[in-house]
Amino acid sequence: MSETVVVVVPDADVLASAVAARLVTTIIEAQAVRGRADVVLTGGRVAAKVLRAVRDLPATAAVDWSRVDLWWGDERFLPAGDPERNETQAREALLDALGLDPARVHPMPASDGADGEDAAAAAARYRDELASGGDALPHFDVLMLGVGEDGHVASLFPGHPDATAEGTATAVHDSPKPPPTRISLTMSAIRSAAEVWLVAAGPDKAEAVGAALGGDTSLPAARATGAAKTVWLLDTAAAAKR
């Protein structure tokens, strides 16, 4: 059964620093045990702050980045390089500074990629990428998620048909938040991760965080649990109603 841990810190800046330190430590430990680390990144304001904090953290130099594979939990189905893409945000905040092996960076397809604007085909392509190691999914050491004001995680929205999709990656159409077309890991893929971290900051997240921690399984955030550990990383404002 997954252990649940709730960590509350004063504000969003401290939260970003705390998550960054925890992430670097987790990667170092995974490399010590498995010889590599597989990390699933997320998007959003706090995620960008976390990646910038990783870039500035002295301990980041202890990570062998040539033995890290990076994946994404979801993506806006937009052209490559679009500033709204999570990949673009991550590259600008951290990845471009690391000298990563391009073969170990696994962004979700863009709308101007090999599948054009066929999001279903692009999702299928990402499923193949996930399975390239021989199993349906890599061993995700940590999978980070932002929590939406409505309790969504990745691009899995409450009451939306794609929130219960099967398989490992799915196309999301008619998203309640723009842009309307996205690609997302499924809930079963999310729950395969050893550790799932749910990161939230600000008073606008307090209702959703409180409901999810209270067990409201109509919210995807409540169902996003890690196989070994689920960690809620919150600032005081986001934790106000837990």
Protein backbone atom coordinates (compact mmCIF):
# COMPACT_ATOMS: atom_id res chain seq x y z
CA MET A 1 0.00 0.00 0.00
CA SER A 2 1.30 3.45 -0.88
CA GLU A 3 2.52 5.62 1.99
CA THR A 4 1.17 9.18 1.93
CA VAL A 5 3.29 12.07 3.16
CA VAL A 6 2.18 15.71 3.35
CA VAL A 7 4.87 18.40 3.46
CA VAL A 8 3.86 22.02 4.06
CA VAL A 9 6.28 24.96 3.69
CA PRO A 10 5.70 28.72 4.03
CA ASP A 11 5.45 29.91 0.43
CA ALA A 12 5.93 29.09 -3.25
CA ASP A 13 9.61 30.06 -3.32
CA VAL A 14 10.46 27.82 -0.39
CA LEU A 15 8.33 25.10 -1.95
CA ALA A 16 10.29 25.24 -5.21
CA SER A 17 13.57 24.99 -3.34
CA ALA A 18 12.33 22.10 -1.19
CA VAL A 19 11.01 20.13 -4.19
CA ALA A 20 14.25 20.76 -6.10
CA ALA A 21 16.38 19.46 -3.24
CA ARG A 22 14.16 16.41 -2.83
CA LEU A 23 14.30 15.72 -6.58
CA VAL A 24 18.08 15.88 -6.79
CA THR A 25 18.41 13.58 -3.77
CA THR A 26 15.93 11.10 -5.25
CA ILE A 27 17.79 11.01 -8.57
CA ILE A 28 21.13 10.45 -6.83
CA GLU A 29 19.66 7.62 -4.75
CA ALA A 30 18.04 5.98 -7.79
CA GLN A 31 21.34 6.07 -9.66
CA ALA A 32 23.08 4.49 -6.69
CA VAL A 33 20.53 1.65 -6.59
CA ARG A 34 19.60 1.16 -10.27
CA GLY A 35 22.44 2.85 -12.10
CA ARG A 36 19.97 5.29 -13.68
CA ALA A 37 16.92 7.40 -12.91
CA ASP A 38 13.65 7.95 -14.76
CA VAL A 39 11.82 11.17 -13.90
CA VAL A 40 8.45 12.41 -15.16
CA LEU A 41 8.21 16.19 -15.41
CA THR A 42 5.14 18.38 -15.20
CA GLY A 43 4.31 21.92 -16.29
CA GLY A 44 2.97 25.09 -14.73
CA ARG A 45 4.31 28.02 -12.76
CA VAL A 46 5.53 26.05 -9.76
CA ALA A 47 7.15 23.43 -12.00
CA ALA A 48 9.19 26.10 -13.75
CA LYS A 49 10.31 27.48 -10.39
CA VAL A 50 11.32 23.97 -9.29
CA LEU A 51 13.44 23.41 -12.41
CA ARG A 52 15.14 26.77 -12.03
CA ALA A 53 15.88 25.87 -8.41
CA VAL A 54 17.39 22.56 -9.55
CA ARG A 55 19.62 24.49 -11.97
CA ASP A 56 20.88 26.72 -9.15
CA LEU A 57 21.31 23.98 -6.52
CA PRO A 58 24.97 23.07 -5.83
CA ALA A 59 24.02 19.41 -5.27
CA THR A 60 22.83 19.20 -8.88
CA ALA A 61 26.50 18.70 -9.80
CA ALA A 62 26.34 15.33 -8.00
CA VAL A 63 23.82 13.97 -10.53
CA ASP A 64 25.16 12.03 -13.50
CA TRP A 65 22.79 13.54 -16.04
CA SER A 66 24.00 11.12 -18.71
CA ARG A 67 22.12 8.42 -16.77
CA VAL A 68 18.81 10.27 -16.37
CA ASP A 69 15.80 9.72 -18.63
CA LEU A 70 13.22 12.50 -18.64
CA TRP A 71 9.58 11.99 -19.53
CA TRP A 72 6.46 14.16 -19.38
CA GLY A 73 3.14 13.55 -17.68
CA ASP A 74 1.21 15.59 -20.22
CA GLU A 75 1.65 18.12 -22.98
CA ARG A 76 -0.27 20.77 -24.83
CA PHE A 77 -0.60 19.56 -28.43
CA LEU A 78 1.03 22.59 -30.03
CA PRO A 79 3.92 23.10 -32.46
CA ALA A 80 7.45 22.35 -31.26
CA GLY A 81 8.97 25.32 -29.47
CA ASP A 82 5.62 26.90 -28.64
CA PRO A 83 6.08 28.76 -25.34
CA GLU A 84 2.94 27.10 -23.96
CA ARG A 85 4.42 23.62 -24.27
CA ASN A 86 5.69 22.02 -21.06
CA GLU A 87 8.75 20.83 -22.96
CA THR A 88 9.66 24.38 -24.00
CA GLN A 89 9.27 25.59 -20.43
CA ALA A 90 11.46 22.78 -19.08
CA ARG A 91 14.20 23.33 -21.65
CA GLU A 92 14.37 27.03 -20.90
CA ALA A 93 14.30 26.57 -17.12
CA LEU A 94 16.81 23.73 -16.82
CA LEU A 95 17.34 21.17 -19.56
CA ASP A 96 19.29 23.32 -22.00
CA ALA A 97 21.85 23.97 -19.27
CA LEU A 98 22.54 20.30 -18.53
CA GLY A 99 24.04 18.97 -21.76
CA LEU A 100 21.67 16.00 -21.75
CA ASP A 101 21.86 13.06 -24.13
CA PRO A 102 19.02 13.88 -26.57
CA ALA A 103 18.13 10.18 -26.77
CA ARG A 104 17.26 10.22 -23.07
CA VAL A 105 14.91 13.19 -23.26
CA HIS A 106 11.42 11.99 -24.24
CA PRO A 107 9.08 14.91 -24.99
CA MET A 108 5.54 14.18 -26.08
CA PRO A 109 4.98 14.77 -29.81
CA ALA A 110 4.18 18.22 -31.15
CA SER A 111 1.36 19.11 -33.50
CA ASP A 112 3.85 19.79 -36.29
CA GLY A 113 5.61 16.46 -35.81
CA ALA A 114 5.48 13.20 -37.73
CA ASP A 115 1.77 12.70 -37.02
CA GLY A 116 0.72 16.22 -37.89
CA GLU A 117 -2.39 17.27 -36.01
CA ASP A 118 -3.54 13.68 -35.37
CA ALA A 119 -3.36 13.67 -31.58
CA ALA A 120 -4.45 10.03 -31.30
CA ALA A 121 -1.57 8.93 -33.53
CA ALA A 122 0.80 11.14 -31.54
CA ALA A 123 -0.38 9.54 -28.29
CA ALA A 124 0.18 6.11 -29.83
CA ARG A 125 3.69 7.20 -30.79
CA TYR A 126 4.36 8.16 -27.18
CA ARG A 127 3.03 4.81 -25.99
CA ASP A 128 5.63 3.20 -28.24
CA GLU A 129 8.32 5.46 -26.81
CA LEU A 130 7.31 4.51 -23.28
CA ALA A 131 7.56 0.82 -24.22
CA SER A 132 10.92 1.13 -26.00
CA GLY A 133 12.71 -0.49 -23.06
CA GLY A 134 10.74 -3.71 -23.45
CA ASP A 135 8.00 -3.14 -20.87
CA ALA A 136 4.83 -1.10 -21.31
CA LEU A 137 6.33 1.59 -19.07
CA PRO A 138 9.74 2.51 -17.72
CA HIS A 139 10.39 2.27 -13.99
CA PHE A 140 9.48 5.83 -13.01
CA ASP A 141 11.43 6.72 -9.88
CA VAL A 142 9.45 9.91 -9.39
CA LEU A 143 6.52 11.41 -11.26
CA MET A 144 5.71 15.04 -10.52
CA LEU A 145 2.26 16.53 -10.95
CA GLY A 146 0.77 19.95 -10.53
CA VAL A 147 -2.72 20.12 -9.06
CA GLY A 148 -5.33 22.23 -10.86
CA GLU A 149 -7.92 24.39 -9.15
CA ASP A 150 -10.50 21.79 -10.22
CA GLY A 151 -8.45 18.87 -8.92
CA HIS A 152 -7.07 17.78 -12.29
CA VAL A 153 -3.60 16.32 -12.70
CA ALA A 154 -1.63 15.99 -15.93
CA SER A 155 -4.41 16.52 -18.52
CA LEU A 156 -6.91 14.28 -16.71
CA PHE A 157 -9.88 16.45 -15.74
CA PRO A 158 -12.74 15.63 -13.34
CA GLY A 159 -15.71 14.13 -15.17
CA HIS A 160 -13.93 14.22 -18.53
CA PRO A 161 -14.05 10.98 -20.56
CA ASP A 162 -10.28 10.90 -21.07
CA ALA A 163 -9.76 10.82 -17.30
CA THR A 164 -10.58 7.10 -17.37
CA ALA A 165 -8.68 6.20 -20.54
CA GLU A 166 -6.90 2.86 -20.64
CA GLY A 167 -3.35 2.11 -21.77
CA THR A 168 -0.39 4.32 -20.94
CA ALA A 169 -0.87 7.54 -22.95
CA THR A 170 -3.98 9.08 -24.43
CA ALA A 171 -5.09 11.96 -26.62
CA VAL A 172 -7.28 14.47 -24.79
CA HIS A 173 -9.85 16.38 -26.82
CA ASP A 174 -12.11 19.23 -25.72
CA SER A 175 -10.04 19.96 -22.64
CA PRO A 176 -11.82 22.23 -20.14
CA LYS A 177 -8.68 24.37 -20.15
CA PRO A 178 -7.04 25.72 -23.30
CA PRO A 179 -5.63 24.49 -25.54
CA PRO A 180 -8.39 21.96 -26.22
CA THR A 181 -6.12 19.18 -27.52
CA ARG A 182 -3.48 17.56 -25.35
CA ILE A 183 -1.63 14.32 -24.73
CA SER A 184 -1.51 12.81 -21.26
CA LEU A 185 -0.32 9.79 -19.38
CA THR A 186 -3.27 7.76 -18.17
CA MET A 187 -4.06 7.32 -14.51
CA SER A 188 -2.78 3.75 -14.56
CA ALA A 189 0.53 4.97 -15.99
CA ILE A 190 0.73 7.65 -13.29
CA ARG A 191 0.02 5.10 -10.57
CA SER A 192 2.83 2.86 -11.82
CA ALA A 193 5.47 5.34 -10.61
CA ALA A 194 7.36 4.43 -7.45
CA GLU A 195 6.73 7.90 -6.08
CA VAL A 196 4.08 10.40 -7.17
CA TRP A 197 4.60 13.97 -6.01
CA LEU A 198 1.67 16.39 -6.09
CA VAL A 199 2.92 19.97 -5.95
CA ALA A 200 0.60 22.91 -5.29
CA ALA A 201 0.99 26.52 -4.24
CA GLY A 202 -1.46 29.35 -3.69
CA PRO A 203 -4.92 29.83 -2.17
CA ASP A 204 -6.65 28.94 -5.45
CA LYS A 205 -5.52 25.34 -4.95
CA ALA A 206 -6.74 24.98 -1.36
CA GLU A 207 -10.25 23.66 -2.12
CA ALA A 208 -8.99 20.98 -4.51
CA VAL A 209 -6.12 19.95 -2.24
CA GLY A 210 -8.43 19.68 0.75
CA ALA A 211 -10.99 17.63 -1.15
CA ALA A 212 -8.39 15.30 -2.65
CA LEU A 213 -6.66 14.70 0.67
CA GLY A 214 -10.11 14.15 2.16
CA GLY A 215 -10.66 11.25 -0.25
CA ASP A 216 -12.91 12.78 -2.92
CA THR A 217 -12.11 10.27 -5.66
CA SER A 218 -14.12 12.23 -8.22
CA LEU A 219 -10.96 14.33 -8.41
CA PRO A 220 -8.05 12.85 -10.39
CA ALA A 221 -5.68 14.34 -7.81
CA ALA A 222 -7.12 12.01 -5.19
CA ARG A 223 -6.49 8.96 -7.39
CA ALA A 224 -2.92 9.89 -8.35
CA THR A 225 -0.96 7.72 -5.95
CA GLY A 226 2.52 6.25 -6.17
CA ALA A 227 3.18 2.52 -5.97
CA ALA A 228 5.45 3.05 -2.94
CA LYS A 229 4.88 6.63 -1.83
CA THR A 230 2.59 9.59 -2.50
CA VAL A 231 4.02 12.96 -1.48
CA TRP A 232 1.96 16.14 -1.30
CA LEU A 233 4.28 19.15 -1.43
CA LEU A 234 2.33 22.30 -0.54
CA ASP A 235 2.77 25.86 0.54
CA THR A 236 0.75 27.15 3.48
CA ALA A 237 -1.91 28.74 1.28
CA ALA A 238 -2.56 25.56 -0.72
CA ALA A 239 -2.71 23.51 2.48
CA ALA A 240 -5.21 25.83 4.20
CA LYS A 241 -8.21 23.48 3.85
CA ARG A 242 -6.61 20.08 4.30
